[in-house]
Amino acid sequence: MGVPAVLKHRDFDLYWFGVVFSQIGTRGTVAANLYQVYELSRSTAITGLVGLAQAVSLVVLSPLGGAYADRLDRRRLLQATQLLALVVAIVLTVLTETGRATTAEVLVCVLLTTAAGTFDQPARQALIPAMVPRSELPQAFALLNPSRELAVLTGPALAGLFIAIHGPGLMYLADAATYAVLVVVLGVLRVPRLVPGKHLPVLHSIAEGGRFVARRPTIWMMMSLDLSATLFGAYRVVLPALTITVLHAGPTAYGLLSSAPSAGALLATGPVVHLVGRPGRTGRILLIGSAGYGLATLLLAQSRTLLLALAAGLLVGAFDALATTIRQAAVQLETPDPMRGRVTSIYQMASRGGPALGDTIIGAVAAGLGPVAALSLGSLVPIAYAGLLGARSPRLRDYTSADPADAAVTGP
């Protein structure tokens, strides 16, 4: 296949390295946060507050993050958020190393770090079109998305190693170093500054972003496809029960199953980059990827051997990587640059908030029907919804890189 064209851009290469490095540190810190909170409280209920702190920051601050990503120099905004996260990591390191860290202080640090991440995510994605040509944008996202999976695989493992060697404080210190590296990388990027056309009040600016999405069928249909998978195909919440009660396996098998989707996404990186880089109707590929995700989760729910379950997990990750790449690239392609931060923040609420709510939905259904029935029924939703959109929406089914009919709607 050769080297993807997108890797021939110096600024994107630097940015990609910095993002991957930072995400590994972030994932490791989350794992260390969970470990430290449980160690301090000895309560799984209190440990669950780590996730609640992240959810609160995400839901409350995402619209603000998007608004400011469209008002400020995105590169400088990213540097500011990384510096804030770096300071929080150093404070948490000092508190931990001096033995003065409390559960409340760790949770406050989680809240602040997630708040910084919530502000930087819209700017982080909206900055990418400034570094690569429009035609190579799908390839750029196809390379960036697996970095999250790499972080999911390596970050917690790194945290476990550092905790075993010295304690959570060593992971926090390493995380601070990754933030520092990304700040330096952002400092040497050569990207044009955003020049906003107007400065509306922040709330009006957020509302303008919402109206824009509402009038762009391509964008909100893709978001709804994402939600159909994350709300009803939330497999991670039932993995422990499937491992113990269905596969009759132990912690090692659970660890392998938990890692399988990330491994599948990584293994699919090359084919996905090649596939999305080719001209064609990416809308059909998106629908196939979304339906494939549902079929893979159905296979996972119905697996009765560990080997089949692992194969299903790999497919879940591969189809998720394919669909996610197309959705994220399309949102950027279909959005004018001055609106990208706000639109990305709305997409972020669906893509990152959906899984948290999905865990709640599938977990509640599993409590009544059991894990197999809950995940099996849930997996049918993205299959059916992708089929419905494919049959009823030519706009999405025939989508390529820009739909002329849709492009007419460019304002709020």
Protein backbone atom coordinates (compact mmCIF):
# COMPACT_ATOMS: atom_id res chain seq x y z
CA MET A 1 0.00 0.00 0.00
CA GLY A 2 2.96 2.36 0.57
CA VAL A 3 3.20 5.28 2.98
CA PRO A 4 -0.15 7.13 3.26
CA ALA A 5 0.01 10.56 1.65
CA VAL A 6 -1.17 12.18 4.86
CA LEU A 7 2.12 11.21 6.56
CA LYS A 8 4.08 13.39 4.16
CA HIS A 9 3.05 16.56 6.02
CA ARG A 10 5.53 17.65 8.68
CA ASP A 11 3.00 19.42 10.90
CA PHE A 12 0.55 16.53 10.92
CA ASP A 13 3.33 14.04 11.70
CA LEU A 14 4.44 16.11 14.72
CA TYR A 15 0.87 16.60 15.86
CA TRP A 16 0.09 12.89 15.54
CA PHE A 17 3.11 11.97 17.64
CA GLY A 18 2.22 14.51 20.32
CA VAL A 19 -1.42 13.41 20.53
CA VAL A 20 -0.55 9.70 20.77
CA PHE A 21 2.03 10.37 23.48
CA SER A 22 -0.38 12.54 25.46
CA GLN A 23 -3.28 10.09 25.21
CA ILE A 24 -1.17 7.24 26.62
CA GLY A 25 -0.40 9.39 29.66
CA THR A 26 -4.05 10.41 30.04
CA ARG A 27 -5.33 6.81 29.95
CA GLY A 28 -2.66 5.75 32.40
CA THR A 29 -3.63 8.53 34.79
CA VAL A 30 -7.33 7.54 34.69
CA ALA A 31 -6.34 3.99 35.65
CA ALA A 32 -4.13 5.35 38.44
CA ASN A 33 -6.97 7.62 39.63
CA LEU A 34 -9.30 4.63 39.95
CA TYR A 35 -6.68 2.63 41.81
CA GLN A 36 -5.81 5.47 44.18
CA VAL A 37 -9.44 6.35 44.98
CA TYR A 38 -10.21 2.73 45.79
CA GLU A 39 -7.03 2.44 47.85
CA LEU A 40 -7.99 5.53 49.84
CA SER A 41 -11.71 4.78 50.25
CA ARG A 42 -11.99 0.98 49.97
CA SER A 43 -15.38 1.65 48.38
CA THR A 44 -16.40 0.72 44.84
CA ALA A 45 -19.25 3.24 45.05
CA ILE A 46 -16.83 6.08 45.76
CA THR A 47 -14.48 4.78 43.09
CA GLY A 48 -17.37 5.14 40.63
CA LEU A 49 -17.34 8.89 41.34
CA VAL A 50 -14.27 9.11 39.10
CA GLY A 51 -16.52 8.38 36.12
CA LEU A 52 -19.18 10.75 37.41
CA ALA A 53 -16.65 13.57 37.66
CA GLN A 54 -15.65 12.95 34.06
CA ALA A 55 -19.28 12.85 32.88
CA VAL A 56 -20.18 16.11 34.63
CA SER A 57 -17.27 17.95 33.00
CA LEU A 58 -18.13 16.50 29.60
CA VAL A 59 -21.83 17.35 29.58
CA VAL A 60 -21.53 20.78 31.18
CA LEU A 61 -18.43 22.09 29.44
CA SER A 62 -18.49 20.58 25.94
CA PRO A 63 -20.64 23.39 24.45
CA LEU A 64 -18.37 26.03 26.00
CA GLY A 65 -15.28 24.26 24.70
CA GLY A 66 -16.72 24.25 21.20
CA ALA A 67 -17.66 27.93 21.38
CA TYR A 68 -14.17 29.00 22.44
CA ALA A 69 -12.55 26.75 19.84
CA ASP A 70 -14.31 28.95 17.26
CA ARG A 71 -13.34 32.23 18.97
CA LEU A 72 -9.66 31.76 19.81
CA ASP A 73 -6.48 30.61 18.11
CA ARG A 74 -6.97 26.84 18.35
CA ARG A 75 -3.29 26.06 18.68
CA ARG A 76 -2.93 28.48 21.60
CA LEU A 77 -6.12 27.17 23.19
CA LEU A 78 -4.72 23.64 23.05
CA GLN A 79 -1.47 24.80 24.62
CA ALA A 80 -3.40 26.48 27.44
CA THR A 81 -5.49 23.37 28.18
CA GLN A 82 -2.41 21.14 28.14
CA LEU A 83 -0.62 23.51 30.53
CA LEU A 84 -3.62 23.40 32.90
CA ALA A 85 -3.62 19.59 32.80
CA LEU A 86 0.15 19.60 33.36
CA VAL A 87 -0.22 21.77 36.48
CA VAL A 88 -2.98 19.49 37.82
CA ALA A 89 -0.79 16.42 37.22
CA ILE A 90 2.11 18.03 39.10
CA VAL A 91 -0.14 19.01 42.03
CA LEU A 92 -1.51 15.47 42.20
CA THR A 93 2.04 14.10 42.08
CA VAL A 94 3.11 16.28 45.00
CA LEU A 95 0.01 15.44 47.06
CA THR A 96 0.50 11.73 46.44
CA GLU A 97 4.24 11.67 47.08
CA THR A 98 3.88 13.59 50.35
CA GLY A 99 1.10 11.28 51.55
CA ARG A 100 -1.41 14.13 51.79
CA ALA A 101 -3.76 13.11 48.94
CA THR A 102 -7.39 12.55 49.93
CA THR A 103 -10.26 11.06 47.94
CA ALA A 104 -11.85 14.47 47.52
CA GLU A 105 -8.61 15.99 46.22
CA VAL A 106 -8.11 13.21 43.68
CA LEU A 107 -11.71 13.67 42.46
CA VAL A 108 -11.22 17.43 42.12
CA CYS A 109 -8.09 16.78 40.06
CA VAL A 110 -10.06 14.36 37.86
CA LEU A 111 -12.72 17.05 37.38
CA LEU A 112 -10.14 19.69 36.40
CA THR A 113 -8.21 17.40 34.06
CA THR A 114 -11.42 16.31 32.31
CA ALA A 115 -12.51 19.95 32.07
CA ALA A 116 -9.24 20.77 30.30
CA GLY A 117 -9.72 17.77 28.00
CA THR A 118 -13.31 18.77 27.27
CA PHE A 119 -12.12 22.20 26.13
CA ASP A 120 -9.24 20.86 24.07
CA GLN A 121 -11.08 18.06 22.22
CA PRO A 122 -13.13 20.30 19.88
CA ALA A 123 -10.05 22.42 19.13
CA ARG A 124 -7.90 19.29 18.74
CA GLN A 125 -10.12 17.88 15.97
CA ALA A 126 -10.96 21.23 14.39
CA LEU A 127 -7.22 21.96 13.98
CA ILE A 128 -6.58 18.92 11.76
CA PRO A 129 -8.07 20.37 8.52
CA ALA A 130 -5.48 23.17 8.78
CA MET A 131 -2.64 20.63 8.48
CA VAL A 132 -3.73 18.33 5.64
CA PRO A 133 -5.50 18.77 2.30
CA ARG A 134 -9.23 18.16 2.27
CA SER A 135 -8.83 14.99 0.19
CA GLU A 136 -6.55 13.45 2.84
CA LEU A 137 -8.72 14.29 5.86
CA PRO A 138 -10.33 10.81 6.10
CA GLN A 139 -6.84 9.26 6.16
CA ALA A 140 -5.81 11.66 8.92
CA PHE A 141 -8.68 10.52 11.13
CA ALA A 142 -8.04 6.90 10.19
CA LEU A 143 -4.56 7.29 11.69
CA LEU A 144 -5.58 9.36 14.72
CA ASN A 145 -8.44 7.12 15.85
CA PRO A 146 -6.24 4.05 16.51
CA SER A 147 -4.07 6.21 18.75
CA ARG A 148 -6.95 6.13 21.24
CA GLU A 149 -7.00 2.36 21.08
CA LEU A 150 -3.23 2.23 21.50
CA ALA A 151 -3.64 4.41 24.57
CA VAL A 152 -6.39 2.14 25.93
CA LEU A 153 -4.06 -0.84 25.57
CA THR A 154 -0.82 0.67 26.82
CA GLY A 155 -1.86 3.45 29.23
CA PRO A 156 -3.43 1.27 31.97
CA ALA A 157 -0.64 -1.30 31.59
CA LEU A 158 1.91 1.48 32.09
CA ALA A 159 -0.01 2.68 35.14
CA GLY A 160 0.04 -0.80 36.63
CA LEU A 161 3.80 -1.02 36.10
CA PHE A 162 4.46 2.40 37.63
CA ILE A 163 2.16 1.70 40.59
CA ALA A 164 3.97 -1.59 41.21
CA ILE A 165 7.36 0.15 41.06
CA HIS A 166 6.63 3.24 43.13
CA GLY A 167 2.92 4.09 43.38
CA PRO A 168 0.38 6.29 41.55
CA GLY A 169 2.59 9.36 41.91
CA LEU A 170 5.04 8.02 39.32
CA MET A 171 2.21 7.71 36.75
CA TYR A 172 1.08 11.26 37.44
CA LEU A 173 4.63 12.53 36.95
CA ALA A 174 4.91 10.65 33.65
CA ASP A 175 1.58 12.14 32.56
CA ALA A 176 2.87 15.64 33.30
CA ALA A 177 5.82 14.90 31.02
CA THR A 178 3.51 13.87 28.16
CA TYR A 179 1.58 17.15 28.50
CA ALA A 180 4.87 19.06 28.35
CA VAL A 181 5.84 17.25 25.14
CA LEU A 182 2.52 18.14 23.48
CA VAL A 183 2.87 21.79 24.52
CA VAL A 184 6.27 21.91 22.81
CA VAL A 185 4.92 20.15 19.70
CA LEU A 186 2.06 22.65 19.45
CA GLY A 187 4.58 25.47 19.76
CA VAL A 188 6.46 24.44 16.61
CA LEU A 189 3.44 23.72 14.40
CA ARG A 190 2.97 25.98 11.40
CA VAL A 191 -0.79 26.35 11.01
CA PRO A 192 -2.87 29.40 10.05
CA ARG A 193 -4.72 31.24 12.77
CA LEU A 194 -8.51 31.10 12.85
CA VAL A 195 -10.05 34.45 11.91
CA PRO A 196 -13.67 34.43 13.21
CA GLY A 197 -16.13 36.42 11.16
CA LYS A 198 -17.95 37.77 14.21
CA HIS A 199 -18.01 37.50 18.00
CA LEU A 200 -21.48 36.63 19.22
CA PRO A 201 -22.15 36.29 22.96
CA VAL A 202 -21.05 32.83 24.07
CA LEU A 203 -24.59 31.46 24.60
CA HIS A 204 -25.69 32.79 21.21
CA SER A 205 -22.59 31.23 19.67
CA ILE A 206 -23.46 27.83 21.20
CA ALA A 207 -27.04 28.13 19.93
CA GLU A 208 -25.74 28.99 16.46
CA GLY A 209 -23.78 25.74 16.47
CA GLY A 210 -26.89 23.79 17.46
CA ARG A 211 -28.96 25.38 14.70
CA PHE A 212 -26.23 24.62 12.17
CA VAL A 213 -26.24 20.91 13.08
CA ALA A 214 -30.05 20.79 13.01
CA ARG A 215 -30.00 22.08 9.41
CA ARG A 216 -27.28 19.67 8.24
CA PRO A 217 -28.95 16.26 7.78
CA THR A 218 -25.67 14.56 6.89
CA ILE A 219 -24.15 15.53 10.24
CA TRP A 220 -27.04 14.73 12.55
CA MET A 221 -27.82 11.44 10.80
CA MET A 222 -24.21 10.36 11.34
CA MET A 223 -24.43 11.40 14.98
CA SER A 224 -27.62 9.39 15.38
CA LEU A 225 -25.86 6.36 13.86
CA ASP A 226 -23.14 6.77 16.47
CA LEU A 227 -25.74 6.93 19.26
CA SER A 228 -27.56 3.84 17.98
CA ALA A 229 -24.34 1.88 18.51
CA THR A 230 -23.09 3.43 21.76
CA LEU A 231 -26.47 3.51 23.54
CA PHE A 232 -27.59 0.00 22.63
CA GLY A 233 -24.37 -1.83 21.76
CA ALA A 234 -22.56 -0.99 25.02
CA TYR A 235 -20.73 -4.27 25.44
CA ARG A 236 -18.09 -3.34 28.03
CA VAL A 237 -20.59 -3.13 30.91
CA VAL A 238 -21.58 -6.80 30.46
CA LEU A 239 -18.12 -8.23 29.74
CA PRO A 240 -17.50 -9.29 33.38
CA ALA A 241 -20.82 -11.15 33.53
CA LEU A 242 -20.29 -12.75 30.11
CA THR A 243 -16.81 -13.89 31.13
CA ILE A 244 -17.87 -15.43 34.45
CA THR A 245 -21.39 -16.74 33.86
CA VAL A 246 -21.32 -17.64 30.15
CA LEU A 247 -17.72 -18.43 29.27
CA HIS A 248 -16.94 -19.70 32.80
CA ALA A 249 -13.53 -18.05 32.65
CA GLY A 250 -11.49 -15.91 35.03
CA PRO A 251 -9.74 -12.52 35.25
CA THR A 252 -7.15 -13.32 32.57
CA ALA A 253 -9.88 -14.05 30.04
CA TYR A 254 -11.69 -10.89 31.07
CA GLY A 255 -8.55 -8.87 30.45
CA LEU A 256 -8.14 -10.39 27.00
CA LEU A 257 -11.78 -9.70 26.11
CA SER A 258 -11.51 -6.11 27.33
CA SER A 259 -8.46 -5.55 25.13
CA ALA A 260 -9.77 -7.35 22.04
CA PRO A 261 -11.77 -4.40 20.54
CA SER A 262 -8.78 -2.06 20.87
CA ALA A 263 -6.55 -4.70 19.29
CA GLY A 264 -9.08 -5.09 16.47
CA ALA A 265 -9.06 -1.35 15.82
CA LEU A 266 -5.27 -1.30 15.70
CA LEU A 267 -5.08 -4.30 13.38
CA ALA A 268 -7.63 -2.64 11.07
CA THR A 269 -5.67 0.62 10.82
CA GLY A 270 -3.96 -0.21 7.52
CA PRO A 271 -7.07 -1.43 5.68
CA VAL A 272 -9.17 1.44 7.04
CA VAL A 273 -6.61 4.05 5.95
CA HIS A 274 -6.52 2.48 2.49
CA LEU A 275 -10.30 2.15 2.25
CA VAL A 276 -11.23 5.69 3.28
CA GLY A 277 -8.48 7.13 1.11
CA ARG A 278 -10.10 5.78 -2.05
CA PRO A 279 -12.75 7.78 -3.94
CA GLY A 280 -16.21 6.32 -3.67
CA ARG A 281 -19.44 6.39 -1.77
CA THR A 282 -18.22 6.48 1.81
CA GLY A 283 -21.82 6.68 3.01
CA ARG A 284 -22.34 3.05 2.05
CA ILE A 285 -19.14 2.05 3.79
CA LEU A 286 -20.33 3.91 6.90
CA LEU A 287 -23.64 2.04 6.89
CA ILE A 288 -21.83 -1.28 6.44
CA GLY A 289 -19.48 -0.42 9.30
CA SER A 290 -22.35 0.53 11.61
CA ALA A 291 -24.33 -2.62 10.80
CA GLY A 292 -21.14 -4.67 11.09
CA TYR A 293 -20.60 -3.28 14.59
CA GLY A 294 -24.06 -4.49 15.57
CA LEU A 295 -23.46 -7.94 14.05
CA ALA A 296 -20.11 -8.21 15.86
CA THR A 297 -21.65 -7.34 19.23
CA LEU A 298 -24.42 -9.88 18.55
CA LEU A 299 -21.74 -12.50 17.87
CA LEU A 300 -20.01 -11.50 21.10
CA ALA A 301 -23.23 -11.91 23.07
CA GLN A 302 -23.91 -15.32 21.56
CA SER A 303 -20.36 -16.68 21.89
CA ARG A 304 -19.97 -19.72 24.06
CA THR A 305 -16.23 -20.20 23.74
CA LEU A 306 -13.44 -17.77 24.61
CA LEU A 307 -11.88 -18.09 21.15
CA LEU A 308 -15.11 -17.08 19.39
CA ALA A 309 -15.67 -14.24 21.86
CA LEU A 310 -12.15 -12.91 21.21
CA ALA A 311 -12.74 -13.05 17.45
CA ALA A 312 -16.01 -11.15 17.93
CA GLY A 313 -14.20 -8.55 20.05
CA LEU A 314 -11.64 -8.00 17.31
CA LEU A 315 -14.46 -7.47 14.80
CA VAL A 316 -16.20 -5.03 17.14
CA GLY A 317 -13.06 -2.88 17.23
CA ALA A 318 -12.43 -3.11 13.49
CA PHE A 319 -15.98 -2.09 12.48
CA ASP A 320 -16.02 0.65 15.13
CA ALA A 321 -12.75 2.08 13.77
CA LEU A 322 -14.14 2.08 10.23
CA ALA A 323 -17.42 3.82 11.11
CA THR A 324 -15.83 6.28 13.55
CA THR A 325 -13.20 7.36 11.01
CA ILE A 326 -15.81 8.18 8.37
CA ARG A 327 -18.11 9.98 10.84
CA GLN A 328 -15.38 12.18 12.29
CA ALA A 329 -13.94 13.08 8.89
CA ALA A 330 -17.40 13.84 7.49
CA VAL A 331 -18.26 16.17 10.38
CA GLN A 332 -15.11 18.18 9.65
CA LEU A 333 -15.61 18.12 5.87
CA GLU A 334 -19.23 19.27 6.09
CA THR A 335 -18.53 22.10 8.54
CA PRO A 336 -17.07 25.53 7.65
CA ASP A 337 -13.89 26.31 9.57
CA PRO A 338 -15.41 29.06 11.79
CA MET A 339 -18.04 26.55 13.02
CA ARG A 340 -15.85 23.47 13.51
CA GLY A 341 -15.26 23.84 17.23
CA ARG A 342 -18.95 24.10 18.12
CA VAL A 343 -20.04 21.30 15.81
CA THR A 344 -17.24 19.05 17.09
CA SER A 345 -18.32 19.72 20.67
CA ILE A 346 -21.88 18.58 19.85
CA TYR A 347 -20.50 15.48 18.18
CA GLN A 348 -18.30 14.93 21.23
CA MET A 349 -21.36 14.88 23.50
CA ALA A 350 -22.76 12.04 21.39
CA SER A 351 -19.54 10.10 20.84
CA ARG A 352 -18.24 10.36 24.43
CA GLY A 353 -21.48 10.78 26.34
CA GLY A 354 -23.27 7.97 24.50
CA PRO A 355 -21.07 5.17 25.88
CA ALA A 356 -21.57 6.33 29.48
CA LEU A 357 -25.35 6.42 29.05
CA GLY A 358 -25.22 3.15 27.10
CA ASP A 359 -23.54 1.42 30.03
CA THR A 360 -26.45 2.54 32.20
CA ILE A 361 -29.10 1.33 29.73
CA ILE A 362 -27.58 -2.06 28.92
CA GLY A 363 -26.57 -2.58 32.54
CA ALA A 364 -30.15 -2.01 33.68
CA VAL A 365 -31.58 -4.31 31.00
CA ALA A 366 -28.98 -6.97 31.85
CA ALA A 367 -30.04 -6.86 35.50
CA GLY A 368 -33.51 -8.00 34.44
CA LEU A 369 -32.91 -10.15 31.35
CA GLY A 370 -29.32 -11.26 31.78
CA PRO A 371 -26.19 -10.14 29.87
CA VAL A 372 -26.72 -12.32 26.79
CA ALA A 373 -30.29 -11.17 26.13
CA ALA A 374 -29.50 -7.53 26.92
CA LEU A 375 -26.55 -7.27 24.53
CA SER A 376 -28.26 -9.40 21.86
CA LEU A 377 -31.35 -7.18 21.81
CA GLY A 378 -29.27 -4.01 21.97
CA SER A 379 -27.05 -5.09 19.07
CA LEU A 380 -30.10 -5.32 16.80
CA VAL A 381 -30.67 -1.55 17.05
CA PRO A 382 -27.60 -0.36 15.06
CA ILE A 383 -28.21 -3.15 12.52
CA ALA A 384 -31.83 -2.11 12.02
CA TYR A 385 -31.10 1.62 12.09
CA ALA A 386 -28.29 1.35 9.53
CA GLY A 387 -30.63 -0.66 7.31
CA LEU A 388 -33.41 1.91 7.72
CA LEU A 389 -31.16 4.85 6.84
CA GLY A 390 -29.74 2.91 3.90
CA ALA A 391 -33.23 2.31 2.53
CA ARG A 392 -34.83 5.68 3.37
CA SER A 393 -31.99 8.20 3.09
CA PRO A 394 -30.23 8.45 -0.30
CA ARG A 395 -28.46 11.56 1.06
CA LEU A 396 -26.53 9.44 3.56
CA ARG A 397 -26.32 6.26 1.47
CA ASP A 398 -24.76 8.07 -1.50
CA TYR A 399 -22.60 10.43 0.56
CA THR A 400 -19.06 10.93 -0.77
CA SER A 401 -16.87 13.79 0.48
CA ALA A 402 -19.33 16.64 0.08
CA ASP A 403 -22.97 16.52 -0.82
CA PRO A 404 -23.80 19.48 -3.09
CA ALA A 405 -27.43 19.43 -2.03
CA ASP A 406 -26.41 19.58 1.60
CA ALA A 407 -23.73 22.17 1.03
CA ALA A 408 -26.33 24.80 0.29
CA VAL A 409 -27.08 25.07 3.97
CA THR A 410 -24.02 26.78 5.36
CA GLY A 411 -25.42 29.14 7.92
CA PRO A 412 -27.27 28.84 11.22
